[in-house]
Amino acid sequence: MNTTGSTFKVLVIDDSNTIRRSAEIFLKQGGHEVMLAEDGFDALAKVNDYQPHLIFCDILMPRLDGYQTCAIIKRNARYSEVPIVMLSSKDGVFDKARGRMVGAQDYLTKPFTKDQLLQAVQQFGKQTQGVN
């Protein structure tokens, strides 16, 4: 399936309003549809309604952290194929490994650039379009 020109739905989960807004601006400039969630619980409700093609998920969040959120989404057969990219201000090997253990496909260190964000969408967009 051709991904160029098609609308790509992206969910951004982060407890920082600044990070959410930056990601939203960057992704919309790239022509993508964006839904925002401020924590894991908020995200779980929106995943079902919104059915994103790709999820960016912060690791350190109150109530339900990014690892738990990722694991819950991946356990649902309906969303197990949706790529998840973890977001963190820490660039540690342990964090990256733990993200992979719960099913995350990649890891971006904050603050990310517009290019990094759009590159991740492009990379995983090709994979997801092949799944459906």
Protein backbone atom coordinates (compact mmCIF):
# COMPACT_ATOMS: atom_id res chain seq x y z
CA MET A 1 0.00 0.00 0.00
CA ASN A 2 1.21 3.50 -0.75
CA THR A 3 1.91 5.66 2.33
CA THR A 4 2.75 8.86 0.49
CA GLY A 5 -0.11 11.29 0.70
CA SER A 6 -2.21 9.07 2.97
CA THR A 7 -3.17 10.33 6.40
CA PHE A 8 -1.24 8.63 9.14
CA LYS A 9 -2.76 8.56 12.64
CA VAL A 10 -0.26 9.13 15.44
CA LEU A 11 -0.92 9.05 19.20
CA VAL A 12 1.51 11.00 21.40
CA ILE A 13 1.49 10.08 25.11
CA ASP A 14 3.43 12.41 27.40
CA ASP A 15 2.70 14.11 30.72
CA SER A 16 4.60 17.22 29.57
CA ASN A 17 2.33 19.68 27.79
CA THR A 18 5.40 21.19 26.06
CA ILE A 19 6.47 17.84 24.61
CA ARG A 20 2.91 17.00 23.51
CA ARG A 21 2.46 20.35 21.78
CA SER A 22 5.89 20.19 20.08
CA ALA A 23 5.20 16.69 18.78
CA GLU A 24 1.75 17.75 17.60
CA ILE A 25 3.14 20.74 15.68
CA PHE A 26 5.95 18.69 14.08
CA LEU A 27 3.66 15.83 13.10
CA LYS A 28 0.93 18.08 11.71
CA GLN A 29 3.58 19.92 9.65
CA GLY A 30 4.44 16.48 8.27
CA GLY A 31 0.80 16.04 7.24
CA HIS A 32 -0.19 13.54 9.92
CA GLU A 33 -3.31 13.29 12.07
CA VAL A 34 -2.42 13.65 15.76
CA MET A 35 -4.15 12.63 18.99
CA LEU A 36 -2.65 13.58 22.36
CA ALA A 37 -2.82 11.77 25.71
CA GLU A 38 -1.41 13.09 28.97
CA ASP A 39 -0.84 9.75 30.72
CA GLY A 40 -1.18 6.00 30.31
CA PHE A 41 -4.81 5.78 31.43
CA ASP A 42 -5.80 8.59 29.07
CA ALA A 43 -3.90 6.79 26.30
CA LEU A 44 -5.57 3.44 26.84
CA ALA A 45 -9.00 5.00 26.37
CA LYS A 46 -7.87 6.85 23.24
CA VAL A 47 -6.11 3.89 21.59
CA ASN A 48 -9.43 2.08 21.32
CA ASP A 49 -11.36 5.08 19.97
CA TYR A 50 -8.64 6.51 17.74
CA GLN A 51 -6.90 3.32 16.49
CA PRO A 52 -3.53 4.95 15.74
CA HIS A 53 -1.02 3.63 13.19
CA LEU A 54 1.88 4.62 15.46
CA ILE A 55 2.30 5.56 19.14
CA PHE A 56 4.97 7.74 20.76
CA CYS A 57 5.02 7.03 24.50
CA ASP A 58 6.90 8.82 27.28
CA ILE A 59 8.51 6.54 29.86
CA LEU A 60 8.26 8.61 33.05
CA MET A 61 4.60 9.44 33.72
CA PRO A 62 2.43 9.49 36.84
CA ARG A 63 -0.06 6.68 37.62
CA LEU A 64 0.86 4.39 34.71
CA ASP A 65 4.38 4.67 33.28
CA GLY A 66 5.35 4.20 29.65
CA TYR A 67 6.56 0.62 30.10
CA GLN A 68 3.25 -0.42 31.69
CA THR A 69 1.25 1.46 29.06
CA CYS A 70 3.23 -0.16 26.23
CA ALA A 71 2.85 -3.65 27.75
CA ILE A 72 -0.94 -3.25 28.13
CA ILE A 73 -1.36 -2.03 24.54
CA LYS A 74 0.83 -4.86 23.19
CA ARG A 75 -1.16 -7.49 25.15
CA ASN A 76 -4.30 -6.55 23.21
CA ALA A 77 -4.32 -8.64 20.01
CA ARG A 78 -6.04 -5.83 18.14
CA TYR A 79 -3.14 -3.41 18.80
CA SER A 80 -0.18 -5.77 19.20
CA GLU A 81 1.09 -4.85 15.71
CA VAL A 82 0.93 -1.06 16.27
CA PRO A 83 4.53 0.22 16.52
CA ILE A 84 5.39 2.04 19.74
CA VAL A 85 8.34 4.41 20.03
CA MET A 86 9.39 5.19 23.61
CA LEU A 87 10.29 8.78 24.52
CA SER A 88 12.69 9.58 27.35
CA SER A 89 15.04 12.27 28.53
CA LYS A 90 17.44 9.49 29.56
CA ASP A 91 19.55 7.83 26.88
CA GLY A 92 20.38 4.71 28.88
CA VAL A 93 21.01 1.21 27.57
CA PHE A 94 18.81 -0.20 30.35
CA ASP A 95 15.87 2.01 29.35
CA LYS A 96 16.17 0.98 25.70
CA ALA A 97 16.40 -2.72 26.62
CA ARG A 98 13.42 -2.48 28.96
CA GLY A 99 11.42 -0.73 26.24
CA ARG A 100 12.14 -3.59 23.83
CA MET A 101 11.13 -6.13 26.49
CA VAL A 102 7.64 -4.63 26.73
CA GLY A 103 7.28 -4.51 22.95
CA ALA A 104 8.51 -1.06 21.89
CA GLN A 105 10.01 -0.91 18.41
CA ASP A 106 12.27 2.10 18.94
CA TYR A 107 13.43 4.78 21.35
CA LEU A 108 13.80 8.54 20.92
CA THR A 109 15.67 10.74 23.35
CA LYS A 110 14.02 14.03 24.36
CA PRO A 111 14.25 16.74 23.29
CA PHE A 112 13.70 15.27 19.83
CA THR A 113 13.85 17.21 16.58
CA LYS A 114 11.15 17.50 13.95
CA ASP A 115 13.31 15.39 11.62
CA GLN A 116 13.72 12.59 14.18
CA LEU A 117 9.98 12.45 14.81
CA LEU A 118 9.03 12.47 11.13
CA GLN A 119 11.75 9.94 10.32
CA ALA A 120 10.27 7.55 12.90
CA VAL A 121 6.81 7.99 11.37
CA GLN A 122 8.20 7.31 7.91
CA GLN A 123 10.13 4.25 9.10
CA PHE A 124 7.22 2.66 10.96
CA GLY A 125 4.58 3.89 8.55
CA LYS A 126 5.92 1.59 5.87
CA GLN A 127 5.75 -1.37 8.25
CA THR A 128 2.20 -0.71 9.45
CA GLN A 129 0.76 -0.14 6.00
CA GLY A 130 1.96 -3.61 5.09
CA VAL A 131 0.22 -5.17 8.11
CA ASN A 132 -3.36 -4.12 7.34
